[in-house]
PDB file of N, CA and C in Angstrom:
ATOM      1  N   MET A   1     -25.634 -19.395  20.480  1.00  0.00           N
ATOM      2  CA  MET A   1     -26.927 -18.808  20.270  1.00  0.00           C
ATOM      3  C   MET A   1     -27.664 -19.632  19.221  1.00  0.00           C
ATOM      4  N   ALA A   2     -28.872 -19.997  19.523  1.00  0.00           N
ATOM      5  CA  ALA A   2     -29.649 -20.853  18.627  1.00  0.00           C
ATOM      6  C   ALA A   2     -30.230 -20.032  17.483  1.00  0.00           C
ATOM      7  N   ASP A   3     -30.209 -20.619  16.299  1.00  0.00           N
ATOM      8  CA  ASP A   3     -30.813 -19.953  15.148  1.00  0.00           C
ATOM      9  C   ASP A   3     -32.322 -20.076  15.236  1.00  0.00           C
ATOM     10  N   ARG A   4     -32.990 -18.995  14.856  1.00  0.00           N
ATOM     11  CA  ARG A   4     -34.447 -19.009  14.858  1.00  0.00           C
ATOM     12  C   ARG A   4     -34.947 -19.145  13.426  1.00  0.00           C
ATOM     13  N   GLU A   5     -36.070 -19.742  13.293  1.00  0.00           N
ATOM     14  CA  GLU A   5     -36.688 -19.884  11.982  1.00  0.00           C
ATOM     15  C   GLU A   5     -37.279 -18.543  11.555  1.00  0.00           C
ATOM     16  N   PRO A   6     -37.289 -18.272  10.254  1.00  0.00           N
ATOM     17  CA  PRO A   6     -37.954 -17.042   9.794  1.00  0.00           C
ATOM     18  C   PRO A   6     -39.447 -17.087  10.101  1.00  0.00           C
ATOM     19  N   LEU A   7     -40.037 -15.923  10.181  1.00  0.00           N
ATOM     20  CA  LEU A   7     -41.473 -15.839  10.413  1.00  0.00           C
ATOM     21  C   LEU A   7     -42.218 -16.331   9.183  1.00  0.00           C
ATOM     22  N   SER A   8     -43.522 -16.465   9.299  1.00  0.00           N
ATOM     23  CA  SER A   8     -44.308 -16.993   8.187  1.00  0.00           C
ATOM     24  C   SER A   8     -44.291 -16.074   6.969  1.00  0.00           C
ATOM     25  N   ASP A   9     -44.029 -14.782   7.173  1.00  0.00           N
ATOM     26  CA  ASP A   9     -43.972 -13.853   6.042  1.00  0.00           C
ATOM     27  C   ASP A   9     -42.560 -13.726   5.467  1.00  0.00           C
ATOM     28  N   GLY A  10     -41.605 -14.487   5.973  1.00  0.00           N
ATOM     29  CA  GLY A  10     -40.269 -14.528   5.416  1.00  0.00           C
ATOM     30  C   GLY A  10     -39.261 -13.616   6.098  1.00  0.00           C
ATOM     31  N   PHE A  11     -39.701 -12.762   7.017  1.00  0.00           N
ATOM     32  CA  PHE A  11     -38.794 -11.869   7.729  1.00  0.00           C
ATOM     33  C   PHE A  11     -38.146 -12.600   8.898  1.00  0.00           C
ATOM     34  N   ASP A  12     -36.925 -12.198   9.221  1.00  0.00           N
ATOM     35  CA  ASP A  12     -36.279 -12.703  10.426  1.00  0.00           C
ATOM     36  C   ASP A  12     -36.702 -11.835  11.597  1.00  0.00           C
ATOM     37  N   PRO A  13     -37.015 -12.425  12.741  1.00  0.00           N
ATOM     38  CA  PRO A  13     -37.385 -11.605  13.902  1.00  0.00           C
ATOM     39  C   PRO A  13     -36.188 -10.804  14.397  1.00  0.00           C
ATOM     40  N   ILE A  14     -36.451  -9.617  14.900  1.00  0.00           N
ATOM     41  CA  ILE A  14     -35.419  -8.742  15.451  1.00  0.00           C
ATOM     42  C   ILE A  14     -35.629  -8.730  16.961  1.00  0.00           C
ATOM     43  N   GLY A  15     -34.838  -9.498  17.661  1.00  0.00           N
ATOM     44  CA  GLY A  15     -35.056  -9.657  19.091  1.00  0.00           C
ATOM     45  C   GLY A  15     -36.401 -10.318  19.299  1.00  0.00           C
ATOM     46  N   PRO A  16     -37.156  -9.880  20.278  1.00  0.00           N
ATOM     47  CA  PRO A  16     -38.482 -10.467  20.482  1.00  0.00           C
ATOM     48  C   PRO A  16     -39.563  -9.803  19.621  1.00  0.00           C
ATOM     49  N   PHE A  17     -39.172  -8.844  18.769  1.00  0.00           N
ATOM     50  CA  PHE A  17     -40.148  -8.045  18.043  1.00  0.00           C
ATOM     51  C   PHE A  17     -40.266  -8.469  16.584  1.00  0.00           C
ATOM     52  N   HIS A  18     -41.439  -8.224  16.022  1.00  0.00           N
ATOM     53  CA  HIS A  18     -41.651  -8.417  14.596  1.00  0.00           C
ATOM     54  C   HIS A  18     -40.938  -7.277  13.865  1.00  0.00           C
ATOM     55  N   PRO A  19     -40.398  -7.529  12.690  1.00  0.00           N
ATOM     56  CA  PRO A  19     -39.669  -6.470  11.984  1.00  0.00           C
ATOM     57  C   PRO A  19     -40.512  -5.230  11.701  1.00  0.00           C
ATOM     58  N   TYR A  20     -41.812  -5.384  11.490  1.00  0.00           N
ATOM     59  CA  TYR A  20     -42.659  -4.215  11.250  1.00  0.00           C
ATOM     60  C   TYR A  20     -42.686  -3.279  12.461  1.00  0.00           C
ATOM     61  N   VAL A  21     -42.658  -3.831  13.662  1.00  0.00           N
ATOM     62  CA  VAL A  21     -42.656  -3.007  14.875  1.00  0.00           C
ATOM     63  C   VAL A  21     -41.345  -2.224  14.963  1.00  0.00           C
ATOM     64  N   VAL A  22     -40.241  -2.884  14.637  1.00  0.00           N
ATOM     65  CA  VAL A  22     -38.935  -2.222  14.683  1.00  0.00           C
ATOM     66  C   VAL A  22     -38.856  -1.139  13.605  1.00  0.00           C
ATOM     67  N   MET A  23     -39.328  -1.446  12.395  1.00  0.00           N
ATOM     68  CA  MET A  23     -39.303  -0.455  11.319  1.00  0.00           C
ATOM     69  C   MET A  23     -40.187   0.750  11.652  1.00  0.00           C
ATOM     70  N   ALA A  24     -41.338   0.504  12.252  1.00  0.00           N
ATOM     71  CA  ALA A  24     -42.228   1.598  12.626  1.00  0.00           C
ATOM     72  C   ALA A  24     -41.602   2.467  13.718  1.00  0.00           C
ATOM     73  N   SER A  25     -40.909   1.852  14.668  1.00  0.00           N
ATOM     74  CA  SER A  25     -40.284   2.643  15.732  1.00  0.00           C
ATOM     75  C   SER A  25     -39.112   3.462  15.189  1.00  0.00           C
ATOM     76  N   VAL A  26     -38.359   2.922  14.238  1.00  0.00           N
ATOM     77  CA  VAL A  26     -37.275   3.684  13.621  1.00  0.00           C
ATOM     78  C   VAL A  26     -37.842   4.843  12.817  1.00  0.00           C
ATOM     79  N   LEU A  27     -38.933   4.618  12.090  1.00  0.00           N
ATOM     80  CA  LEU A  27     -39.583   5.685  11.334  1.00  0.00           C
ATOM     81  C   LEU A  27     -40.096   6.782  12.266  1.00  0.00           C
ATOM     82  N   LEU A  28     -40.696   6.398  13.380  1.00  0.00           N
ATOM     83  CA  LEU A  28     -41.175   7.380  14.352  1.00  0.00           C
ATOM     84  C   LEU A  28     -40.018   8.182  14.942  1.00  0.00           C
ATOM     85  N   LEU A  29     -38.925   7.525  15.244  1.00  0.00           N
ATOM     86  CA  LEU A  29     -37.750   8.210  15.770  1.00  0.00           C
ATOM     87  C   LEU A  29     -37.192   9.199  14.737  1.00  0.00           C
ATOM     88  N   ASP A  30     -37.146   8.790  13.468  1.00  0.00           N
ATOM     89  CA  ASP A  30     -36.678   9.684  12.414  1.00  0.00           C
ATOM     90  C   ASP A  30     -37.589  10.900  12.264  1.00  0.00           C
ATOM     91  N   LEU A  31     -38.900  10.687  12.327  1.00  0.00           N
ATOM     92  CA  LEU A  31     -39.835  11.803  12.214  1.00  0.00           C
ATOM     93  C   LEU A  31     -39.719  12.764  13.390  1.00  0.00           C
ATOM     94  N   LEU A  32     -39.508  12.232  14.589  1.00  0.00           N
ATOM     95  CA  LEU A  32     -39.316  13.093  15.754  1.00  0.00           C
ATOM     96  C   LEU A  32     -38.024  13.897  15.640  1.00  0.00           C
ATOM     97  N   LEU A  33     -36.982  13.288  15.100  1.00  0.00           N
ATOM     98  CA  LEU A  33     -35.719  13.992  14.894  1.00  0.00           C
ATOM     99  C   LEU A  33     -35.889  15.114  13.868  1.00  0.00           C
ATOM    100  N   ILE A  34     -36.573  14.838  12.778  1.00  0.00           N
ATOM    101  CA  ILE A  34     -36.824  15.864  11.765  1.00  0.00           C
ATOM    102  C   ILE A  34     -37.672  16.986  12.342  1.00  0.00           C
ATOM    103  N   LEU A  35     -38.687  16.648  13.121  1.00  0.00           N
ATOM    104  CA  LEU A  35     -39.532  17.660  13.744  1.00  0.00           C
ATOM    105  C   LEU A  35     -38.742  18.534  14.712  1.00  0.00           C
ATOM    106  N   SER A  36     -37.847  17.945  15.478  1.00  0.00           N
ATOM    107  CA  SER A  36     -37.049  18.735  16.418  1.00  0.00           C
ATOM    108  C   SER A  36     -36.070  19.659  15.679  1.00  0.00           C
ATOM    109  N   VAL A  37     -35.487  19.191  14.578  1.00  0.00           N
ATOM    110  CA  VAL A  37     -34.585  20.042  13.790  1.00  0.00           C
ATOM    111  C   VAL A  37     -35.363  21.203  13.168  1.00  0.00           C
ATOM    112  N   LEU A  38     -36.531  20.922  12.609  1.00  0.00           N
ATOM    113  CA  LEU A  38     -37.340  21.991  12.023  1.00  0.00           C
ATOM    114  C   LEU A  38     -37.819  22.986  13.081  1.00  0.00           C
ATOM    115  N   SER A  39     -38.149  22.494  14.263  1.00  0.00           N
ATOM    116  CA  SER A  39     -38.551  23.389  15.351  1.00  0.00           C
ATOM    117  C   SER A  39     -37.398  24.290  15.778  1.00  0.00           C
ATOM    118  N   ALA A  40     -36.203  23.723  15.867  1.00  0.00           N
ATOM    119  CA  ALA A  40     -35.037  24.525  16.241  1.00  0.00           C
ATOM    120  C   ALA A  40     -34.728  25.576  15.179  1.00  0.00           C
ATOM    121  N   LEU A  41     -34.841  25.216  13.909  1.00  0.00           N
ATOM    122  CA  LEU A  41     -34.615  26.192  12.838  1.00  0.00           C
ATOM    123  C   LEU A  41     -35.669  27.296  12.852  1.00  0.00           C
ATOM    124  N   THR A  42     -36.914  26.930  13.114  1.00  0.00           N
ATOM    125  CA  THR A  42     -37.982  27.934  13.195  1.00  0.00           C
ATOM    126  C   THR A  42     -37.749  28.870  14.366  1.00  0.00           C
ATOM    127  N   TYR A  43     -37.361  28.325  15.508  1.00  0.00           N
ATOM    128  CA  TYR A  43     -37.088  29.149  16.687  1.00  0.00           C
ATOM    129  C   TYR A  43     -35.919  30.099  16.428  1.00  0.00           C
ATOM    130  N   ALA A  44     -34.838  29.563  15.843  1.00  0.00           N
ATOM    131  CA  ALA A  44     -33.666  30.407  15.562  1.00  0.00           C
ATOM    132  C   ALA A  44     -34.007  31.475  14.536  1.00  0.00           C
ATOM    133  N   GLY A  45     -34.749  31.116  13.501  1.00  0.00           N
ATOM    134  CA  GLY A  45     -35.149  32.092  12.490  1.00  0.00           C
ATOM    135  C   GLY A  45     -36.034  33.180  13.060  1.00  0.00           C
ATOM    136  N   ASP A  46     -36.925  32.820  13.980  1.00  0.00           N
ATOM    137  CA  ASP A  46     -37.793  33.815  14.605  1.00  0.00           C
ATOM    138  C   ASP A  46     -36.989  34.773  15.470  1.00  0.00           C
ATOM    139  N   LYS A  47     -36.021  34.248  16.215  1.00  0.00           N
ATOM    140  CA  LYS A  47     -35.193  35.122  17.050  1.00  0.00           C
ATOM    141  C   LYS A  47     -34.308  36.031  16.204  1.00  0.00           C
ATOM    142  N   ILE A  48     -33.762  35.523  15.104  1.00  0.00           N
ATOM    143  CA  ILE A  48     -32.946  36.350  14.212  1.00  0.00           C
ATOM    144  C   ILE A  48     -33.798  37.429  13.569  1.00  0.00           C
ATOM    145  N   GLU A  49     -35.011  37.070  13.162  1.00  0.00           N
ATOM    146  CA  GLU A  49     -35.922  38.060  12.566  1.00  0.00           C
ATOM    147  C   GLU A  49     -36.268  39.144  13.576  1.00  0.00           C
ATOM    148  N   ASP A  50     -36.442  38.803  14.850  1.00  0.00           N
ATOM    149  CA  ASP A  50     -36.748  39.797  15.871  1.00  0.00           C
ATOM    150  C   ASP A  50     -35.577  40.756  16.086  1.00  0.00           C
ATOM    151  N   VAL A  51     -34.351  40.291  15.908  1.00  0.00           N
ATOM    152  CA  VAL A  51     -33.184  41.153  16.061  1.00  0.00           C
ATOM    153  C   VAL A  51     -33.056  42.093  14.864  1.00  0.00           C
ATOM    154  N   ILE A  52     -33.304  41.561  13.660  1.00  0.00           N
ATOM    155  CA  ILE A  52     -33.149  42.376  12.452  1.00  0.00           C
ATOM    156  C   ILE A  52     -34.290  43.375  12.314  1.00  0.00           C
ATOM    157  N   TRP A  53     -35.526  42.929  12.462  1.00  0.00           N
ATOM    158  CA  TRP A  53     -36.703  43.786  12.343  1.00  0.00           C
ATOM    159  C   TRP A  53     -37.529  43.693  13.620  1.00  0.00           C
ATOM    160  N   PRO A  54     -37.191  44.496  14.632  1.00  0.00           N
ATOM    161  CA  PRO A  54     -37.960  44.418  15.888  1.00  0.00           C
ATOM    162  C   PRO A  54     -39.372  44.974  15.704  1.00  0.00           C
ATOM    163  N   GLY A  55     -40.253  44.465  16.518  1.00  0.00           N
ATOM    164  CA  GLY A  55     -41.656  44.900  16.449  1.00  0.00           C
ATOM    165  C   GLY A  55     -42.359  44.221  15.303  1.00  0.00           C
ATOM    166  N   GLY A  56     -43.559  44.691  15.034  1.00  0.00           N
ATOM    167  CA  GLY A  56     -44.325  44.119  13.950  1.00  0.00           C
ATOM    168  C   GLY A  56     -45.076  42.873  14.378  1.00  0.00           C
ATOM    169  N   ARG A  57     -45.741  42.294  13.418  1.00  0.00           N
ATOM    170  CA  ARG A  57     -46.574  41.115  13.684  1.00  0.00           C
ATOM    171  C   ARG A  57     -45.755  39.843  13.512  1.00  0.00           C
ATOM    172  N   ASP A  58     -45.835  38.944  14.484  1.00  0.00           N
ATOM    173  CA  ASP A  58     -45.100  37.672  14.402  1.00  0.00           C
ATOM    174  C   ASP A  58     -45.947  36.656  13.660  1.00  0.00           C
ATOM    175  N   TRP A  59     -45.324  35.927  12.765  1.00  0.00           N
ATOM    176  CA  TRP A  59     -46.003  34.848  12.059  1.00  0.00           C
ATOM    177  C   TRP A  59     -45.954  33.560  12.859  1.00  0.00           C
ATOM    178  N   VAL A  60     -44.928  33.440  13.713  1.00  0.00           N
ATOM    179  CA  VAL A  60     -44.764  32.250  14.548  1.00  0.00           C
ATOM    180  C   VAL A  60     -44.866  32.705  15.997  1.00  0.00           C
ATOM    181  N   ASP A  61     -45.827  32.145  16.716  1.00  0.00           N
ATOM    182  CA  ASP A  61     -45.995  32.498  18.128  1.00  0.00           C
ATOM    183  C   ASP A  61     -45.149  31.567  18.980  1.00  0.00           C
ATOM    184  N   LEU A  62     -44.004  32.067  19.458  1.00  0.00           N
ATOM    185  CA  LEU A  62     -43.132  31.256  20.308  1.00  0.00           C
ATOM    186  C   LEU A  62     -43.019  31.884  21.679  1.00  0.00           C
TER     187      LEU A  62
END
């Protein structure tokens, strides 16, 4: 495998992509994972609250 020269800003390319593109995609993936975990916790908390205190006004519309 041939060595590639670093980019003009000093970063090594990651595959065919610039490192900023890879870092941004990893950040987006992390944010989506955090959002899905928080959504699951909110859903579970809402269902548990409905079992403990049925009726009443819901703060989360699921």
